[in-house]
Amino acid sequence: MHAARLSRSPRLKRVHACLADGAERSTLEIITGARVCAVNACIAELRANGAQIACRQIRDPATGGRLWLYRMVRPAPPSVQGEGRTPAPPSVPGEDMS
């Protein structure tokens, strides 16, 4: 799997922020709270960026179906998040960078 860099991915930043308080969130809560699809893929990418995220499965009391719950145990390191770094200026096609 090729994981996106947290520092460059607004999608991963939204999921990281959604889980940052350490509370458990269901797949649906992450989908609606972070405006993403494929929550399991986002979780895998955050783990590849150094975040420690716990996952457990429960039975939905209302429907009897399976619910997946995610909780951030340890956030991604600040160096991976891009904190404290000045972003590189955008390059302009055809511009000489020397």
N, C-alpha and C. Protein backbone atom coordinates (compact mmCIF):
# COMPACT_ATOMS: atom_id res chain seq x y z
N MET A 1 0.84 -1.18 0.00
CA MET A 1 0.00 0.00 0.00
C MET A 1 0.89 1.24 0.00
N HIS A 2 0.49 2.22 -0.77
CA HIS A 2 1.17 3.51 -0.75
C HIS A 2 0.34 4.46 0.11
N ALA A 3 0.89 4.86 1.23
CA ALA A 3 0.18 5.76 2.14
C ALA A 3 0.51 7.21 1.81
N ALA A 4 -0.51 8.04 1.81
CA ALA A 4 -0.30 9.48 1.63
C ALA A 4 0.43 10.03 2.85
N ARG A 5 1.16 11.10 2.65
CA ARG A 5 1.83 11.77 3.77
C ARG A 5 0.81 12.62 4.51
N LEU A 6 0.78 12.47 5.82
CA LEU A 6 -0.15 13.24 6.63
C LEU A 6 0.06 14.74 6.42
N SER A 7 1.30 15.16 6.32
CA SER A 7 1.59 16.59 6.19
C SER A 7 1.06 17.19 4.89
N ARG A 8 0.76 16.34 3.91
CA ARG A 8 0.32 16.84 2.60
C ARG A 8 -1.10 16.42 2.24
N SER A 9 -1.79 15.78 3.15
CA SER A 9 -3.11 15.24 2.82
C SER A 9 -4.21 15.87 3.68
N PRO A 10 -5.00 16.76 3.10
CA PRO A 10 -6.11 17.33 3.86
C PRO A 10 -7.07 16.24 4.36
N ARG A 11 -7.25 15.19 3.57
CA ARG A 11 -8.13 14.08 3.95
C ARG A 11 -7.64 13.41 5.22
N LEU A 12 -6.35 13.07 5.27
CA LEU A 12 -5.80 12.43 6.46
C LEU A 12 -5.76 13.39 7.65
N LYS A 13 -5.52 14.66 7.39
CA LYS A 13 -5.53 15.65 8.48
C LYS A 13 -6.91 15.73 9.12
N ARG A 14 -7.97 15.64 8.30
CA ARG A 14 -9.33 15.68 8.86
C ARG A 14 -9.61 14.46 9.74
N VAL A 15 -9.19 13.28 9.29
CA VAL A 15 -9.42 12.07 10.09
C VAL A 15 -8.58 12.13 11.36
N HIS A 16 -7.34 12.57 11.24
CA HIS A 16 -6.45 12.69 12.41
C HIS A 16 -7.07 13.64 13.43
N ALA A 17 -7.60 14.76 12.97
CA ALA A 17 -8.22 15.74 13.87
C ALA A 17 -9.50 15.17 14.49
N CYS A 18 -10.25 14.40 13.73
CA CYS A 18 -11.49 13.81 14.23
C CYS A 18 -11.22 12.85 15.39
N LEU A 19 -10.09 12.16 15.34
CA LEU A 19 -9.74 11.18 16.38
C LEU A 19 -8.82 11.74 17.46
N ALA A 20 -8.40 12.98 17.31
CA ALA A 20 -7.36 13.55 18.18
C ALA A 20 -7.71 13.60 19.66
N ASP A 21 -9.00 13.65 20.00
CA ASP A 21 -9.37 13.74 21.42
C ASP A 21 -9.29 12.41 22.15
N GLY A 22 -9.01 11.33 21.42
CA GLY A 22 -8.87 10.02 22.05
C GLY A 22 -10.17 9.29 22.32
N ALA A 23 -11.29 9.89 21.94
CA ALA A 23 -12.59 9.23 22.13
C ALA A 23 -12.83 8.21 21.03
N GLU A 24 -13.61 7.18 21.33
CA GLU A 24 -13.96 6.20 20.31
C GLU A 24 -14.94 6.81 19.33
N ARG A 25 -14.72 6.50 18.06
CA ARG A 25 -15.62 6.96 17.00
C ARG A 25 -15.98 5.76 16.12
N SER A 26 -17.24 5.69 15.73
CA SER A 26 -17.66 4.64 14.80
C SER A 26 -17.24 5.03 13.39
N THR A 27 -17.31 4.06 12.50
CA THR A 27 -17.01 4.33 11.10
C THR A 27 -17.89 5.46 10.58
N LEU A 28 -19.18 5.40 10.88
CA LEU A 28 -20.10 6.44 10.40
C LEU A 28 -19.76 7.81 10.99
N GLU A 29 -19.38 7.86 12.26
CA GLU A 29 -19.01 9.13 12.87
C GLU A 29 -17.77 9.73 12.19
N ILE A 30 -16.84 8.88 11.79
CA ILE A 30 -15.64 9.38 11.09
C ILE A 30 -16.01 9.84 9.68
N ILE A 31 -16.86 9.07 9.01
CA ILE A 31 -17.29 9.46 7.66
C ILE A 31 -17.93 10.83 7.68
N THR A 32 -18.84 11.05 8.62
CA THR A 32 -19.56 12.33 8.66
C THR A 32 -18.72 13.43 9.29
N GLY A 33 -17.93 13.10 10.29
CA GLY A 33 -17.14 14.12 10.98
C GLY A 33 -15.94 14.61 10.18
N ALA A 34 -15.32 13.70 9.42
CA ALA A 34 -14.13 14.08 8.65
C ALA A 34 -14.40 14.18 7.15
N ARG A 35 -15.63 13.89 6.75
CA ARG A 35 -16.03 13.95 5.34
C ARG A 35 -15.10 13.09 4.47
N VAL A 36 -15.01 11.80 4.82
CA VAL A 36 -14.19 10.86 4.06
C VAL A 36 -14.98 9.60 3.77
N CYS A 37 -14.48 8.83 2.84
CA CYS A 37 -14.97 7.48 2.57
C CYS A 37 -13.83 6.52 2.91
N ALA A 38 -14.10 5.25 2.88
CA ALA A 38 -13.06 4.23 3.10
C ALA A 38 -12.27 4.49 4.38
N VAL A 39 -12.98 4.52 5.49
CA VAL A 39 -12.36 4.82 6.78
C VAL A 39 -11.23 3.85 7.09
N ASN A 40 -11.43 2.56 6.78
CA ASN A 40 -10.38 1.59 7.08
C ASN A 40 -9.07 1.92 6.35
N ALA A 41 -9.17 2.42 5.13
CA ALA A 41 -7.97 2.81 4.38
C ALA A 41 -7.31 4.04 5.01
N CYS A 42 -8.12 5.00 5.45
CA CYS A 42 -7.58 6.19 6.12
C CYS A 42 -6.86 5.80 7.40
N ILE A 43 -7.44 4.87 8.15
CA ILE A 43 -6.82 4.41 9.39
C ILE A 43 -5.49 3.74 9.08
N ALA A 44 -5.45 2.91 8.04
CA ALA A 44 -4.19 2.25 7.66
C ALA A 44 -3.13 3.28 7.27
N GLU A 45 -3.54 4.32 6.56
CA GLU A 45 -2.59 5.36 6.16
C GLU A 45 -2.09 6.16 7.38
N LEU A 46 -2.98 6.45 8.32
CA LEU A 46 -2.54 7.15 9.53
C LEU A 46 -1.56 6.29 10.32
N ARG A 47 -1.82 4.99 10.38
CA ARG A 47 -0.88 4.09 11.05
C ARG A 47 0.47 4.09 10.35
N ALA A 48 0.46 4.11 9.02
CA ALA A 48 1.71 4.16 8.26
C ALA A 48 2.47 5.47 8.51
N ASN A 49 1.76 6.50 8.95
CA ASN A 49 2.37 7.79 9.29
C ASN A 49 2.77 7.87 10.76
N GLY A 50 2.62 6.76 11.49
CA GLY A 50 3.09 6.72 12.87
C GLY A 50 2.03 6.84 13.95
N ALA A 51 0.77 7.06 13.57
CA ALA A 51 -0.29 7.14 14.58
C ALA A 51 -0.60 5.73 15.09
N GLN A 52 -0.91 5.65 16.36
CA GLN A 52 -1.35 4.38 16.94
C GLN A 52 -2.85 4.48 17.15
N ILE A 53 -3.60 3.65 16.44
CA ILE A 53 -5.05 3.70 16.48
C ILE A 53 -5.59 2.32 16.83
N ALA A 54 -6.37 2.27 17.91
CA ALA A 54 -6.99 1.03 18.34
C ALA A 54 -8.31 0.86 17.60
N CYS A 55 -8.68 -0.39 17.39
CA CYS A 55 -9.91 -0.70 16.69
C CYS A 55 -10.57 -1.88 17.39
N ARG A 56 -11.88 -1.79 17.53
CA ARG A 56 -12.62 -2.93 18.08
C ARG A 56 -13.97 -3.01 17.41
N GLN A 57 -14.52 -4.20 17.47
CA GLN A 57 -15.81 -4.47 16.85
C GLN A 57 -16.82 -4.79 17.94
N ILE A 58 -18.03 -4.23 17.80
CA ILE A 58 -19.11 -4.53 18.73
C ILE A 58 -20.38 -4.83 17.94
N ARG A 59 -21.38 -5.33 18.61
CA ARG A 59 -22.69 -5.52 18.01
C ARG A 59 -23.54 -4.29 18.25
N ASP A 60 -24.17 -3.80 17.20
CA ASP A 60 -25.08 -2.65 17.31
C ASP A 60 -26.31 -3.12 18.09
N PRO A 61 -26.58 -2.50 19.23
CA PRO A 61 -27.74 -2.94 20.02
C PRO A 61 -29.07 -2.77 19.29
N ALA A 62 -29.14 -1.83 18.38
CA ALA A 62 -30.41 -1.57 17.68
C ALA A 62 -30.65 -2.57 16.55
N THR A 63 -29.59 -2.92 15.82
CA THR A 63 -29.77 -3.76 14.63
C THR A 63 -29.15 -5.15 14.75
N GLY A 64 -28.22 -5.33 15.68
CA GLY A 64 -27.51 -6.60 15.79
C GLY A 64 -26.35 -6.70 14.81
N GLY A 65 -26.18 -5.67 13.97
CA GLY A 65 -25.08 -5.65 13.01
C GLY A 65 -23.76 -5.31 13.68
N ARG A 66 -22.69 -5.43 12.91
CA ARG A 66 -21.36 -5.13 13.44
C ARG A 66 -21.06 -3.64 13.34
N LEU A 67 -20.46 -3.10 14.37
CA LEU A 67 -19.96 -1.72 14.39
C LEU A 67 -18.46 -1.76 14.65
N TRP A 68 -17.73 -0.97 13.90
CA TRP A 68 -16.29 -0.83 14.13
C TRP A 68 -16.06 0.50 14.82
N LEU A 69 -15.29 0.46 15.89
CA LEU A 69 -14.97 1.66 16.66
C LEU A 69 -13.47 1.89 16.62
N TYR A 70 -13.07 3.14 16.42
CA TYR A 70 -11.67 3.52 16.33
C TYR A 70 -11.35 4.55 17.41
N ARG A 71 -10.15 4.44 17.97
CA ARG A 71 -9.71 5.39 19.00
C ARG A 71 -8.21 5.64 18.81
N MET A 72 -7.83 6.92 18.75
CA MET A 72 -6.42 7.24 18.63
C MET A 72 -5.76 7.11 20.01
N VAL A 73 -4.80 6.22 20.08
CA VAL A 73 -4.05 5.99 21.31
C VAL A 73 -2.88 6.96 21.39
N ARG A 74 -2.22 7.15 20.25
CA ARG A 74 -1.09 8.07 20.16
C ARG A 74 -1.12 8.72 18.78
N PRO A 75 -1.12 10.05 18.73
CA PRO A 75 -1.15 10.72 17.42
C PRO A 75 0.15 10.51 16.65
N ALA A 76 0.09 10.82 15.39
CA ALA A 76 1.30 10.77 14.56
C ALA A 76 2.31 11.78 15.11
N PRO A 77 3.59 11.47 15.00
CA PRO A 77 4.61 12.42 15.49
C PRO A 77 4.49 13.78 14.82
N PRO A 78 4.78 14.85 15.54
CA PRO A 78 4.69 16.20 14.96
C PRO A 78 5.49 16.35 13.67
N SER A 79 6.63 15.68 13.58
CA SER A 79 7.45 15.80 12.37
C SER A 79 6.72 15.25 11.15
N VAL A 80 5.87 14.25 11.33
CA VAL A 80 5.10 13.67 10.24
C VAL A 80 3.89 14.54 9.93
N GLN A 81 3.37 15.21 10.95
CA GLN A 81 2.21 16.06 10.75
C GLN A 81 2.56 17.35 10.02
N GLY A 82 3.85 17.68 9.96
CA GLY A 82 4.26 18.89 9.27
C GLY A 82 4.28 20.10 10.17
N GLU A 83 4.14 19.89 11.48
CA GLU A 83 4.14 21.02 12.40
C GLU A 83 5.55 21.60 12.52
N GLY A 84 5.61 22.90 12.60
CA GLY A 84 6.89 23.57 12.80
C GLY A 84 7.76 23.63 11.57
N ARG A 85 7.17 23.33 10.44
CA ARG A 85 7.93 23.35 9.20
C ARG A 85 7.32 24.38 8.26
N THR A 86 8.15 25.07 7.54
CA THR A 86 7.68 26.03 6.57
C THR A 86 7.45 25.29 5.26
N PRO A 87 6.24 25.37 4.71
CA PRO A 87 5.99 24.66 3.46
C PRO A 87 6.80 25.25 2.32
N ALA A 88 7.20 24.38 1.41
CA ALA A 88 7.93 24.84 0.23
C ALA A 88 7.00 25.66 -0.65
N PRO A 89 7.51 26.69 -1.28
CA PRO A 89 6.66 27.48 -2.17
C PRO A 89 6.23 26.63 -3.36
N PRO A 90 5.05 26.89 -3.89
CA PRO A 90 4.60 26.10 -5.04
C PRO A 90 5.48 26.39 -6.24
N SER A 91 5.74 25.35 -7.01
CA SER A 91 6.56 25.56 -8.21
C SER A 91 5.67 26.01 -9.36
N VAL A 92 6.24 26.76 -10.23
CA VAL A 92 5.52 27.26 -11.40
C VAL A 92 6.07 26.51 -12.61
N PRO A 93 5.19 25.86 -13.38
CA PRO A 93 5.67 25.13 -14.56
C PRO A 93 6.51 26.03 -15.46
N GLY A 94 7.66 25.53 -15.87
CA GLY A 94 8.52 26.26 -16.77
C GLY A 94 9.45 27.24 -16.07
N GLU A 95 9.30 27.39 -14.74
CA GLU A 95 10.16 28.33 -14.00
C GLU A 95 11.50 27.67 -13.71
N ASP A 96 12.58 28.39 -13.90
CA ASP A 96 13.92 27.88 -13.61
C ASP A 96 14.13 27.92 -12.11
N MET A 97 14.40 26.76 -11.51
CA MET A 97 14.54 26.67 -10.06
C MET A 97 15.99 26.83 -9.60
N SER A 98 16.92 27.15 -10.48
CA SER A 98 18.32 27.29 -10.06
C SER A 98 18.67 28.66 -9.58
